[in-house]
Amino acid sequence: MQQKSTMRTLILIGIVCSLLIATAFIAGCTSSTPATATPSATAAPAAPSSTPAAVQTVAPAEVQTPGATAPATVAATSTPAPVYTYSEGNVVAYTAASLSGVSPKLAEGFEAMYPGHKVVFNLAGTQALKTQIQNGAYADVFISASQKYTTELTSGGYFVSGTIKPLTSNYVIVILPKDNPAGIKSLSDLADPGIKIAMADNSVPVGTATAGVMAKMAKDSGYGAAWNTSVYSNVVTYETSEPAVASKVAIGEVDAGFVYESTYNAGQEKYIALSIPKTLNYLQTYQIAVLKESTSKGAAADFETFMLSANGQQILKDYGFRPI
């Protein structure tokens, strides 16, 4: 009897314990989750109404013109400073490369004659300068070593009427390195086998002038067609500017080069010259003109006046150019 009572007591204790455990479990499941529990999903932020100013890009139509104020909401973008300053006192002169040697003296003379004025020379082959202008490059003055390119730009309406004027002239000459390793003594020697010669391409004014000289010499009894053919067979390079021909001679890459007299006169310490008789030579005429698109027409006109003045002409003469 006592055993049965004990068993009932144990069963009751087991039932009570089971109820307590179940109650604790249910309470744990229904209690609120602590703040440090697994975070709940966060809703994606709404797209901003506008791009932040620090990273905003500008559509092409919104790009500001020079001098305009950029919108406050747009990050300023630095723009490279222009190569030339366009103002009434400054002149940008697109100038034939053969004036490279004399250009510093011309700038000095112009600024002395017109205090407060400045000139910047863009020096290159005339054919390249002509193309740059046709492609929209800014220039106040054009100085051409060939009437061909001045005529072409004139037909395109690029110049101020009445400003196209002859400036100076130049003959062709043959230059040799100072040490003359090929031992050339006369123009006849240019036809000797193994002589290396530099000429300018026909697209360059001095190239056209050289071709004119060669054509005359081919018809001359002292040289003739055979000489002409041999000289051309000795040409190892055709350059796209007159200074490039002179450079090939100066560094000894060639034995002779056809250039302008002015180049020899500006660098007599580097070259030996072989003169070409005037009857067989080609006189290249340079021209100067003011561009219609110039924003410094007053200063451009002053520069042209200086170049045609006694002062400007004397400087050109000092560097081997000839008067018209």
C-alpha atoms as a PDB file:
ATOM      1  CA  MET A   1       0.000   0.000   0.000  1.00  0.00           C
ATOM      2  CA  GLN A   2       2.830   2.266   0.923  1.00  0.00           C
ATOM      3  CA  GLN A   3       4.578   1.428  -2.409  1.00  0.00           C
ATOM      4  CA  LYS A   4       1.507   2.485  -4.405  1.00  0.00           C
ATOM      5  CA  SER A   5       1.385   5.804  -2.527  1.00  0.00           C
ATOM      6  CA  THR A   6       5.030   6.452  -3.339  1.00  0.00           C
ATOM      7  CA  MET A   7       4.460   5.754  -7.017  1.00  0.00           C
ATOM      8  CA  ARG A   8       1.556   8.203  -7.165  1.00  0.00           C
ATOM      9  CA  THR A   9       3.714  10.850  -5.546  1.00  0.00           C
ATOM     10  CA  LEU A  10       6.511  10.379  -8.128  1.00  0.00           C
ATOM     11  CA  ILE A  11       3.998  10.531 -10.989  1.00  0.00           C
ATOM     12  CA  LEU A  12       2.554  13.795  -9.620  1.00  0.00           C
ATOM     13  CA  ILE A  13       6.047  15.286  -9.259  1.00  0.00           C
ATOM     14  CA  GLY A  14       6.812  14.301 -12.873  1.00  0.00           C
ATOM     15  CA  ILE A  15       3.629  15.889 -14.133  1.00  0.00           C
ATOM     16  CA  VAL A  16       4.355  19.117 -12.214  1.00  0.00           C
ATOM     17  CA  CYS A  17       7.889  19.283 -13.532  1.00  0.00           C
ATOM     18  CA  SER A  18       6.642  18.726 -17.111  1.00  0.00           C
ATOM     19  CA  LEU A  19       4.132  21.531 -16.710  1.00  0.00           C
ATOM     20  CA  LEU A  20       6.811  23.902 -15.373  1.00  0.00           C
ATOM     21  CA  ILE A  21       9.141  23.105 -18.267  1.00  0.00           C
ATOM     22  CA  ALA A  22       6.369  23.598 -20.829  1.00  0.00           C
ATOM     23  CA  THR A  23       5.377  26.883 -19.240  1.00  0.00           C
ATOM     24  CA  ALA A  24       8.976  28.160 -19.343  1.00  0.00           C
ATOM     25  CA  PHE A  25       9.341  27.155 -22.983  1.00  0.00           C
ATOM     26  CA  ILE A  26       6.123  28.908 -24.001  1.00  0.00           C
ATOM     27  CA  ALA A  27       7.154  32.020 -22.085  1.00  0.00           C
ATOM     28  CA  GLY A  28      10.525  32.064 -23.846  1.00  0.00           C
ATOM     29  CA  CYS A  29       8.934  31.828 -27.276  1.00  0.00           C
ATOM     30  CA  THR A  30       6.467  34.651 -26.679  1.00  0.00           C
ATOM     31  CA  SER A  31       8.838  37.128 -25.010  1.00  0.00           C
ATOM     32  CA  SER A  32      10.127  40.172 -27.090  1.00  0.00           C
ATOM     33  CA  THR A  33      13.502  39.822 -28.846  1.00  0.00           C
ATOM     34  CA  PRO A  34      16.304  41.941 -27.328  1.00  0.00           C
ATOM     35  CA  ALA A  35      17.607  44.935 -29.346  1.00  0.00           C
ATOM     36  CA  THR A  36      20.875  43.110 -29.925  1.00  0.00           C
ATOM     37  CA  ALA A  37      19.196  40.213 -31.669  1.00  0.00           C
ATOM     38  CA  THR A  38      19.454  39.640 -35.443  1.00  0.00           C
ATOM     39  CA  PRO A  39      18.561  42.963 -37.106  1.00  0.00           C
ATOM     40  CA  SER A  40      15.416  43.219 -39.076  1.00  0.00           C
ATOM     41  CA  ALA A  41      15.615  44.029 -42.810  1.00  0.00           C
ATOM     42  CA  THR A  42      16.107  47.731 -43.656  1.00  0.00           C
ATOM     43  CA  ALA A  43      14.137  49.272 -46.471  1.00  0.00           C
ATOM     44  CA  ALA A  44      16.231  50.562 -49.417  1.00  0.00           C
ATOM     45  CA  PRO A  45      16.661  54.364 -49.305  1.00  0.00           C
ATOM     46  CA  ALA A  46      14.679  56.399 -51.762  1.00  0.00           C
ATOM     47  CA  ALA A  47      16.705  57.648 -54.765  1.00  0.00           C
ATOM     48  CA  PRO A  48      17.944  61.210 -54.262  1.00  0.00           C
ATOM     49  CA  SER A  49      16.109  63.882 -56.159  1.00  0.00           C
ATOM     50  CA  SER A  50      19.411  65.176 -57.625  1.00  0.00           C
ATOM     51  CA  THR A  51      23.005  64.024 -57.904  1.00  0.00           C
ATOM     52  CA  PRO A  52      25.257  65.450 -55.163  1.00  0.00           C
ATOM     53  CA  ALA A  53      27.146  68.547 -56.331  1.00  0.00           C
ATOM     54  CA  ALA A  54      30.514  66.948 -55.672  1.00  0.00           C
ATOM     55  CA  VAL A  55      29.982  64.287 -58.317  1.00  0.00           C
ATOM     56  CA  GLN A  56      27.503  65.906 -60.672  1.00  0.00           C
ATOM     57  CA  THR A  57      28.480  65.848 -64.311  1.00  0.00           C
ATOM     58  CA  VAL A  58      27.573  68.496 -66.845  1.00  0.00           C
ATOM     59  CA  ALA A  59      25.830  67.637 -70.058  1.00  0.00           C
ATOM     60  CA  PRO A  60      27.507  69.088 -73.155  1.00  0.00           C
ATOM     61  CA  ALA A  61      24.751  71.688 -73.547  1.00  0.00           C
ATOM     62  CA  GLU A  62      25.463  72.963 -70.030  1.00  0.00           C
ATOM     63  CA  VAL A  63      29.203  73.583 -70.466  1.00  0.00           C
ATOM     64  CA  GLN A  64      29.910  77.202 -69.676  1.00  0.00           C
ATOM     65  CA  THR A  65      31.587  79.489 -72.151  1.00  0.00           C
ATOM     66  CA  PRO A  66      34.805  81.219 -70.987  1.00  0.00           C
ATOM     67  CA  GLY A  67      34.018  84.002 -68.541  1.00  0.00           C
ATOM     68  CA  ALA A  68      30.539  82.683 -67.660  1.00  0.00           C
ATOM     69  CA  THR A  69      29.692  81.729 -64.075  1.00  0.00           C
ATOM     70  CA  ALA A  70      29.098  78.027 -63.475  1.00  0.00           C
ATOM     71  CA  PRO A  71      25.820  77.064 -61.710  1.00  0.00           C
ATOM     72  CA  ALA A  72      26.187  76.796 -57.926  1.00  0.00           C
ATOM     73  CA  THR A  73      25.091  73.146 -57.984  1.00  0.00           C
ATOM     74  CA  VAL A  74      27.778  72.111 -60.475  1.00  0.00           C
ATOM     75  CA  ALA A  75      31.305  71.287 -59.435  1.00  0.00           C
ATOM     76  CA  ALA A  76      33.740  73.608 -61.213  1.00  0.00           C
ATOM     77  CA  THR A  77      36.002  71.898 -63.755  1.00  0.00           C
ATOM     78  CA  SER A  78      39.395  73.475 -64.339  1.00  0.00           C
ATOM     79  CA  THR A  79      40.130  74.474 -67.934  1.00  0.00           C
ATOM     80  CA  PRO A  80      43.708  74.680 -69.269  1.00  0.00           C
ATOM     81  CA  ALA A  81      44.873  78.241 -69.799  1.00  0.00           C
ATOM     82  CA  PRO A  82      44.829  79.264 -73.475  1.00  0.00           C
ATOM     83  CA  VAL A  83      48.142  79.213 -75.281  1.00  0.00           C
ATOM     84  CA  TYR A  84      47.653  82.766 -76.466  1.00  0.00           C
ATOM     85  CA  THR A  85      46.007  85.743 -74.799  1.00  0.00           C
ATOM     86  CA  TYR A  86      43.628  87.434 -77.177  1.00  0.00           C
ATOM     87  CA  SER A  87      43.652  91.119 -76.373  1.00  0.00           C
ATOM     88  CA  GLU A  88      44.025  94.300 -78.344  1.00  0.00           C
ATOM     89  CA  GLY A  89      47.703  94.610 -77.426  1.00  0.00           C
ATOM     90  CA  ASN A  90      48.744  91.074 -78.341  1.00  0.00           C
ATOM     91  CA  VAL A  91      49.341  89.610 -81.785  1.00  0.00           C
ATOM     92  CA  VAL A  92      49.397  85.926 -82.739  1.00  0.00           C
ATOM     93  CA  ALA A  93      51.408  85.628 -85.953  1.00  0.00           C
ATOM     94  CA  TYR A  94      51.199  82.379 -87.921  1.00  0.00           C
ATOM     95  CA  THR A  95      54.603  82.573 -89.563  1.00  0.00           C
ATOM     96  CA  ALA A  96      56.553  80.520 -92.110  1.00  0.00           C
ATOM     97  CA  ALA A  97      59.153  78.349 -90.376  1.00  0.00           C
ATOM     98  CA  SER A  98      61.994  79.892 -92.369  1.00  0.00           C
ATOM     99  CA  LEU A  99      61.604  83.030 -90.208  1.00  0.00           C
ATOM    100  CA  SER A 100      62.419  81.053 -87.031  1.00  0.00           C
ATOM    101  CA  GLY A 101      65.901  82.526 -86.716  1.00  0.00           C
ATOM    102  CA  VAL A 102      64.821  86.132 -87.102  1.00  0.00           C
ATOM    103  CA  SER A 103      61.566  85.946 -85.112  1.00  0.00           C
ATOM    104  CA  PRO A 104      63.067  86.926 -81.701  1.00  0.00           C
ATOM    105  CA  LYS A 105      64.570  90.087 -83.207  1.00  0.00           C
ATOM    106  CA  LEU A 106      61.303  90.914 -84.937  1.00  0.00           C
ATOM    107  CA  ALA A 107      59.436  90.554 -81.640  1.00  0.00           C
ATOM    108  CA  GLU A 108      61.961  92.819 -79.925  1.00  0.00           C
ATOM    109  CA  GLY A 109      61.725  95.446 -82.679  1.00  0.00           C
ATOM    110  CA  PHE A 110      57.915  95.403 -82.723  1.00  0.00           C
ATOM    111  CA  GLU A 111      57.636  95.793 -78.964  1.00  0.00           C
ATOM    112  CA  ALA A 112      60.139  98.668 -79.043  1.00  0.00           C
ATOM    113  CA  MET A 113      58.233 100.444 -81.805  1.00  0.00           C
ATOM    114  CA  TYR A 114      54.848  99.857 -80.127  1.00  0.00           C
ATOM    115  CA  PRO A 115      55.325  99.779 -76.337  1.00  0.00           C
ATOM    116  CA  GLY A 116      52.688  97.646 -74.645  1.00  0.00           C
ATOM    117  CA  HIS A 117      52.243  95.416 -77.689  1.00  0.00           C
ATOM    118  CA  LYS A 118      53.396  91.800 -77.777  1.00  0.00           C
ATOM    119  CA  VAL A 119      53.724  89.269 -80.574  1.00  0.00           C
ATOM    120  CA  VAL A 120      53.734  85.472 -80.341  1.00  0.00           C
ATOM    121  CA  PHE A 121      54.942  83.507 -83.368  1.00  0.00           C
ATOM    122  CA  ASN A 122      53.479  80.160 -84.353  1.00  0.00           C
ATOM    123  CA  LEU A 123      56.260  78.887 -86.624  1.00  0.00           C
ATOM    124  CA  ALA A 124      55.623  75.975 -88.991  1.00  0.00           C
ATOM    125  CA  GLY A 125      55.581  75.074 -92.656  1.00  0.00           C
ATOM    126  CA  THR A 126      53.273  77.457 -94.501  1.00  0.00           C
ATOM    127  CA  GLN A 127      51.151  74.571 -95.746  1.00  0.00           C
ATOM    128  CA  ALA A 128      50.571  73.459 -92.128  1.00  0.00           C
ATOM    129  CA  LEU A 129      49.707  77.000 -90.995  1.00  0.00           C
ATOM    130  CA  LYS A 130      47.224  77.334 -93.824  1.00  0.00           C
ATOM    131  CA  THR A 131      45.515  74.095 -92.812  1.00  0.00           C
ATOM    132  CA  GLN A 132      45.398  75.134 -89.146  1.00  0.00           C
ATOM    133  CA  ILE A 133      43.646  78.383 -90.047  1.00  0.00           C
ATOM    134  CA  GLN A 134      41.167  76.563 -92.289  1.00  0.00           C
ATOM    135  CA  ASN A 135      40.433  74.221 -89.377  1.00  0.00           C
ATOM    136  CA  GLY A 136      39.537  77.154 -87.119  1.00  0.00           C
ATOM    137  CA  ALA A 137      42.805  77.926 -85.327  1.00  0.00           C
ATOM    138  CA  TYR A 138      43.021  81.487 -84.024  1.00  0.00           C
ATOM    139  CA  ALA A 139      45.503  83.890 -85.620  1.00  0.00           C
ATOM    140  CA  ASP A 140      45.794  87.664 -86.042  1.00  0.00           C
ATOM    141  CA  VAL A 141      48.416  87.707 -88.793  1.00  0.00           C
ATOM    142  CA  PHE A 142      49.506  85.239 -91.475  1.00  0.00           C
ATOM    143  CA  ILE A 143      53.037  85.349 -92.939  1.00  0.00           C
ATOM    144  CA  SER A 144      53.412  82.980 -95.872  1.00  0.00           C
ATOM    145  CA  ALA A 145      56.561  81.854 -97.669  1.00  0.00           C
ATOM    146  CA  SER A 146      54.464  81.159-100.761  1.00  0.00           C
ATOM    147  CA  GLN A 147      51.831  83.167-102.601  1.00  0.00           C
ATOM    148  CA  LYS A 148      50.064  79.870-103.335  1.00  0.00           C
ATOM    149  CA  TYR A 149      48.766  79.511 -99.776  1.00  0.00           C
ATOM    150  CA  THR A 150      47.914  83.193 -99.402  1.00  0.00           C
ATOM    151  CA  THR A 151      45.877  82.965-102.591  1.00  0.00           C
ATOM    152  CA  GLU A 152      44.067  79.868-101.298  1.00  0.00           C
ATOM    153  CA  LEU A 153      43.101  81.570 -98.036  1.00  0.00           C
ATOM    154  CA  THR A 154      42.130  84.733 -99.899  1.00  0.00           C
ATOM    155  CA  SER A 155      39.665  82.770-102.006  1.00  0.00           C
ATOM    156  CA  GLY A 156      38.190  81.425 -98.757  1.00  0.00           C
ATOM    157  CA  GLY A 157      37.604  84.950 -97.459  1.00  0.00           C
ATOM    158  CA  TYR A 158      39.980  84.670 -94.488  1.00  0.00           C
ATOM    159  CA  PHE A 159      41.751  88.041 -94.771  1.00  0.00           C
ATOM    160  CA  VAL A 160      40.841  91.654 -94.099  1.00  0.00           C
ATOM    161  CA  SER A 161      40.512  93.360 -97.456  1.00  0.00           C
ATOM    162  CA  GLY A 162      43.559  95.408 -98.444  1.00  0.00           C
ATOM    163  CA  THR A 163      45.929  93.854 -95.890  1.00  0.00           C
ATOM    164  CA  ILE A 164      47.585  91.260 -98.173  1.00  0.00           C
ATOM    165  CA  LYS A 165      51.001  92.712 -98.970  1.00  0.00           C
ATOM    166  CA  PRO A 166      54.407  91.474-100.198  1.00  0.00           C
ATOM    167  CA  LEU A 167      56.820  91.333 -97.275  1.00  0.00           C
ATOM    168  CA  THR A 168      60.246  90.051 -98.269  1.00  0.00           C
ATOM    169  CA  SER A 169      61.979  87.497-100.497  1.00  0.00           C
ATOM    170  CA  ASN A 170      64.508  84.679-100.305  1.00  0.00           C
ATOM    171  CA  TYR A 171      66.735  82.786-102.699  1.00  0.00           C
ATOM    172  CA  VAL A 172      67.606  79.084-102.472  1.00  0.00           C
ATOM    173  CA  ILE A 173      71.091  78.031-101.411  1.00  0.00           C
ATOM    174  CA  VAL A 174      72.876  74.730-100.728  1.00  0.00           C
ATOM    175  CA  ILE A 175      74.415  74.251 -97.291  1.00  0.00           C
ATOM    176  CA  LEU A 176      77.014  71.695 -96.153  1.00  0.00           C
ATOM    177  CA  PRO A 177      78.116  70.701 -92.639  1.00  0.00           C
ATOM    178  CA  LYS A 178      80.964  72.853 -91.386  1.00  0.00           C
ATOM    179  CA  ASP A 179      83.414  69.924 -91.452  1.00  0.00           C
ATOM    180  CA  ASN A 180      82.180  68.902 -94.942  1.00  0.00           C
ATOM    181  CA  PRO A 181      82.955  65.170 -94.562  1.00  0.00           C
ATOM    182  CA  ALA A 182      81.938  64.439 -98.169  1.00  0.00           C
ATOM    183  CA  GLY A 183      84.486  66.954 -99.503  1.00  0.00           C
ATOM    184  CA  ILE A 184      81.944  68.752-101.692  1.00  0.00           C
ATOM    185  CA  LYS A 185      83.513  71.718-103.483  1.00  0.00           C
ATOM    186  CA  SER A 186      80.871  72.759-106.020  1.00  0.00           C
ATOM    187  CA  LEU A 187      77.290  72.204-107.105  1.00  0.00           C
ATOM    188  CA  SER A 188      78.560  69.706-109.663  1.00  0.00           C
ATOM    189  CA  ASP A 189      79.746  67.447-106.837  1.00  0.00           C
ATOM    190  CA  LEU A 190      76.162  66.971-105.639  1.00  0.00           C
ATOM    191  CA  ALA A 191      75.769  64.418-108.444  1.00  0.00           C
ATOM    192  CA  ASP A 192      78.681  62.246-107.236  1.00  0.00           C
ATOM    193  CA  PRO A 193      77.749  58.702-106.149  1.00  0.00           C
ATOM    194  CA  GLY A 194      77.228  58.285-102.406  1.00  0.00           C
ATOM    195  CA  ILE A 195      76.439  61.924-101.639  1.00  0.00           C
ATOM    196  CA  LYS A 196      73.490  62.207 -99.229  1.00  0.00           C
ATOM    197  CA  ILE A 197      71.160  65.147 -99.848  1.00  0.00           C
ATOM    198  CA  ALA A 198      68.148  66.553 -97.981  1.00  0.00           C
ATOM    199  CA  MET A 199      65.391  68.490 -99.734  1.00  0.00           C
ATOM    200  CA  ALA A 200      62.010  69.764 -98.622  1.00  0.00           C
ATOM    201  CA  ASP A 201      58.836  68.134 -99.861  1.00  0.00           C
ATOM    202  CA  ASN A 202      57.006  69.825-102.738  1.00  0.00           C
ATOM    203  CA  SER A 203      54.148  70.689-100.371  1.00  0.00           C
ATOM    204  CA  VAL A 204      56.524  73.088 -98.565  1.00  0.00           C
ATOM    205  CA  PRO A 205      57.361  76.451-100.172  1.00  0.00           C
ATOM    206  CA  VAL A 206      61.118  75.825-100.084  1.00  0.00           C
ATOM    207  CA  GLY A 207      60.450  72.426-101.652  1.00  0.00           C
ATOM    208  CA  THR A 208      58.617  74.114-104.516  1.00  0.00           C
ATOM    209  CA  ALA A 209      61.468  76.611-104.851  1.00  0.00           C
ATOM    210  CA  THR A 210      64.065  73.811-104.866  1.00  0.00           C
ATOM    211  CA  ALA A 211      62.156  71.979-107.596  1.00  0.00           C
ATOM    212  CA  GLY A 212      62.144  75.218-109.594  1.00  0.00           C
ATOM    213  CA  VAL A 213      65.914  75.525-109.222  1.00  0.00           C
ATOM    214  CA  MET A 214      66.477  71.916-110.229  1.00  0.00           C
ATOM    215  CA  ALA A 215      64.304  72.343-113.321  1.00  0.00           C
ATOM    216  CA  LYS A 216      66.333  75.370-114.431  1.00  0.00           C
ATOM    217  CA  MET A 217      69.644  73.619-113.802  1.00  0.00           C
ATOM    218  CA  ALA A 218      68.487  70.575-115.774  1.00  0.00           C
ATOM    219  CA  LYS A 219      68.169  72.839-118.812  1.00  0.00           C
ATOM    220  CA  ASP A 220      71.486  74.618-118.257  1.00  0.00           C
ATOM    221  CA  SER A 221      74.483  73.506-120.289  1.00  0.00           C
ATOM    222  CA  GLY A 222      76.717  73.598-117.238  1.00  0.00           C
ATOM    223  CA  TYR A 223      74.645  70.948-115.417  1.00  0.00           C
ATOM    224  CA  GLY A 224      72.051  69.266-117.637  1.00  0.00           C
ATOM    225  CA  ALA A 225      69.532  66.460-117.351  1.00  0.00           C
ATOM    226  CA  ALA A 226      72.054  63.785-116.326  1.00  0.00           C
ATOM    227  CA  TRP A 227      73.257  65.938-113.428  1.00  0.00           C
ATOM    228  CA  ASN A 228      69.651  66.572-112.416  1.00  0.00           C
ATOM    229  CA  THR A 229      68.845  62.849-112.392  1.00  0.00           C
ATOM    230  CA  SER A 230      71.957  61.994-110.356  1.00  0.00           C
ATOM    231  CA  VAL A 231      71.262  64.684-107.763  1.00  0.00           C
ATOM    232  CA  TYR A 232      67.702  63.465-107.258  1.00  0.00           C
ATOM    233  CA  SER A 233      68.979  59.898-106.891  1.00  0.00           C
ATOM    234  CA  ASN A 234      71.181  61.146-104.009  1.00  0.00           C
ATOM    235  CA  VAL A 235      68.249  62.607-102.068  1.00  0.00           C
ATOM    236  CA  VAL A 236      67.787  60.483 -98.938  1.00  0.00           C
ATOM    237  CA  THR A 237      65.076  62.525 -97.209  1.00  0.00           C
ATOM    238  CA  TYR A 238      62.282  64.967 -98.055  1.00  0.00           C
ATOM    239  CA  GLU A 239      61.369  67.117 -95.049  1.00  0.00           C
ATOM    240  CA  THR A 240      58.141  68.973 -94.273  1.00  0.00           C
ATOM    241  CA  SER A 241      59.770  72.224 -93.162  1.00  0.00           C
ATOM    242  CA  GLU A 242      62.801  74.262 -94.150  1.00  0.00           C
ATOM    243  CA  PRO A 243      64.404  74.211 -90.667  1.00  0.00           C
ATOM    244  CA  ALA A 244      64.133  70.397 -90.696  1.00  0.00           C
ATOM    245  CA  VAL A 245      66.360  70.273 -93.799  1.00  0.00           C
ATOM    246  CA  ALA A 246      68.898  72.564 -92.117  1.00  0.00           C
ATOM    247  CA  SER A 247      68.821  70.411 -88.991  1.00  0.00           C
ATOM    248  CA  LYS A 248      69.703  67.269 -90.982  1.00  0.00           C
ATOM    249  CA  VAL A 249      72.762  69.089 -92.339  1.00  0.00           C
ATOM    250  CA  ALA A 250      73.777  70.552 -88.969  1.00  0.00           C
ATOM    251  CA  ILE A 251      73.841  67.156 -87.225  1.00  0.00           C
ATOM    252  CA  GLY A 252      75.641  65.482 -90.119  1.00  0.00           C
ATOM    253  CA  GLU A 253      72.891  63.097 -91.204  1.00  0.00           C
ATOM    254  CA  VAL A 254      73.273  64.380 -94.771  1.00  0.00           C
ATOM    255  CA  ASP A 255      76.117  65.904 -96.770  1.00  0.00           C
ATOM    256  CA  ALA A 256      74.098  68.757 -98.277  1.00  0.00           C
ATOM    257  CA  GLY A 257      70.680  70.404 -98.088  1.00  0.00           C
ATOM    258  CA  PHE A 258      68.664  72.883-100.140  1.00  0.00           C
ATOM    259  CA  VAL A 259      67.432  75.753 -97.924  1.00  0.00           C
ATOM    260  CA  TYR A 260      66.933  79.526 -98.050  1.00  0.00           C
ATOM    261  CA  GLU A 261      69.789  82.025 -97.937  1.00  0.00           C
ATOM    262  CA  SER A 262      68.401  83.418 -94.682  1.00  0.00           C
ATOM    263  CA  THR A 263      68.947  80.086 -92.931  1.00  0.00           C
ATOM    264  CA  TYR A 264      72.605  80.055 -93.892  1.00  0.00           C
ATOM    265  CA  ASN A 265      73.071  83.681 -92.827  1.00  0.00           C
ATOM    266  CA  ALA A 266      71.512  82.951 -89.438  1.00  0.00           C
ATOM    267  CA  GLY A 267      73.782  79.934 -88.837  1.00  0.00           C
ATOM    268  CA  GLN A 268      77.065  80.586 -90.614  1.00  0.00           C
ATOM    269  CA  GLU A 269      78.959  79.061 -87.702  1.00  0.00           C
ATOM    270  CA  LYS A 270      77.387  75.667 -88.551  1.00  0.00           C
ATOM    271  CA  TYR A 271      77.408  75.612 -92.351  1.00  0.00           C
ATOM    272  CA  ILE A 272      79.363  76.048 -95.546  1.00  0.00           C
ATOM    273  CA  ALA A 273      77.335  77.539 -98.402  1.00  0.00           C
ATOM    274  CA  LEU A 274      77.257  76.844-102.119  1.00  0.00           C
ATOM    275  CA  SER A 275      75.561  79.730-103.904  1.00  0.00           C
ATOM    276  CA  ILE A 276      73.262  79.073-106.840  1.00  0.00           C
ATOM    277  CA  PRO A 277      73.590  81.581-109.717  1.00  0.00           C
ATOM    278  CA  LYS A 278      70.712  84.064-109.741  1.00  0.00           C
ATOM    279  CA  THR A 279      69.912  83.163-113.343  1.00  0.00           C
ATOM    280  CA  LEU A 280      69.221  79.591-112.218  1.00  0.00           C
ATOM    281  CA  ASN A 281      67.728  80.439-108.838  1.00  0.00           C
ATOM    282  CA  TYR A 282      64.163  80.758-107.615  1.00  0.00           C
ATOM    283  CA  LEU A 283      63.179  83.914-105.752  1.00  0.00           C
ATOM    284  CA  GLN A 284      60.568  83.068-103.125  1.00  0.00           C
ATOM    285  CA  THR A 285      58.221  85.943-102.249  1.00  0.00           C
ATOM    286  CA  TYR A 286      56.720  86.156 -98.757  1.00  0.00           C
ATOM    287  CA  GLN A 287      53.389  87.836 -98.021  1.00  0.00           C
ATOM    288  CA  ILE A 288      51.719  89.178 -94.880  1.00  0.00           C
ATOM    289  CA  ALA A 289      48.006  89.642 -94.154  1.00  0.00           C
ATOM    290  CA  VAL A 290      45.595  90.286 -91.259  1.00  0.00           C
ATOM    291  CA  LEU A 291      42.940  87.665 -90.478  1.00  0.00           C
ATOM    292  CA  LYS A 292      39.253  88.633 -90.440  1.00  0.00           C
ATOM    293  CA  GLU A 293      38.711  86.610 -87.266  1.00  0.00           C
ATOM    294  CA  SER A 294      41.328  88.610 -85.351  1.00  0.00           C
ATOM    295  CA  THR A 295      40.074  90.155 -82.128  1.00  0.00           C
ATOM    296  CA  SER A 296      43.183  92.381 -82.078  1.00  0.00           C
ATOM    297  CA  LYS A 297      42.908  94.025 -85.477  1.00  0.00           C
ATOM    298  CA  GLY A 298      44.451  97.288 -84.272  1.00  0.00           C
ATOM    299  CA  ALA A 299      47.571  95.567 -82.939  1.00  0.00           C
ATOM    300  CA  ALA A 300      47.653  93.267 -85.970  1.00  0.00           C
ATOM    301  CA  ALA A 301      47.655  96.291 -88.274  1.00  0.00           C
ATOM    302  CA  ASP A 302      50.457  97.822 -86.177  1.00  0.00           C
ATOM    303  CA  PHE A 303      52.479  94.614 -86.521  1.00  0.00           C
ATOM    304  CA  GLU A 304      52.048  94.616 -90.286  1.00  0.00           C
ATOM    305  CA  THR A 305      53.111  98.274 -90.362  1.00  0.00           C
ATOM    306  CA  PHE A 306      56.210  97.406 -88.345  1.00  0.00           C
ATOM    307  CA  MET A 307      57.125  94.475 -90.610  1.00  0.00           C
ATOM    308  CA  LEU A 308      56.908  96.723 -93.684  1.00  0.00           C
ATOM    309  CA  SER A 309      58.700  99.635 -92.014  1.00  0.00           C
ATOM    310  CA  ALA A 310      62.385 100.500 -92.421  1.00  0.00           C
ATOM    311  CA  ASN A 311      63.057  98.943 -88.997  1.00  0.00           C
ATOM    312  CA  GLY A 312      61.349  95.661 -89.789  1.00  0.00           C
ATOM    313  CA  GLN A 313      62.902  95.420 -93.248  1.00  0.00           C
ATOM    314  CA  GLN A 314      66.384  96.089 -91.862  1.00  0.00           C
ATOM    315  CA  ILE A 315      66.020  93.248 -89.355  1.00  0.00           C
ATOM    316  CA  LEU A 316      64.958  90.914 -92.152  1.00  0.00           C
ATOM    317  CA  LYS A 317      67.904  92.070 -94.279  1.00  0.00           C
ATOM    318  CA  ASP A 318      70.313  91.468 -91.396  1.00  0.00           C
ATOM    319  CA  TYR A 319      69.170  87.849 -91.388  1.00  0.00           C
ATOM    320  CA  GLY A 320      69.628  87.289 -95.095  1.00  0.00           C
ATOM    321  CA  PHE A 321      66.174  88.128 -96.446  1.00  0.00           C
ATOM    322  CA  ARG A 322      65.949  90.300 -99.481  1.00  0.00           C
ATOM    323  CA  PRO A 323      63.684  93.297-100.093  1.00  0.00           C
ATOM    324  CA  ILE A 324      60.863  92.969-102.610  1.00  0.00           C
END
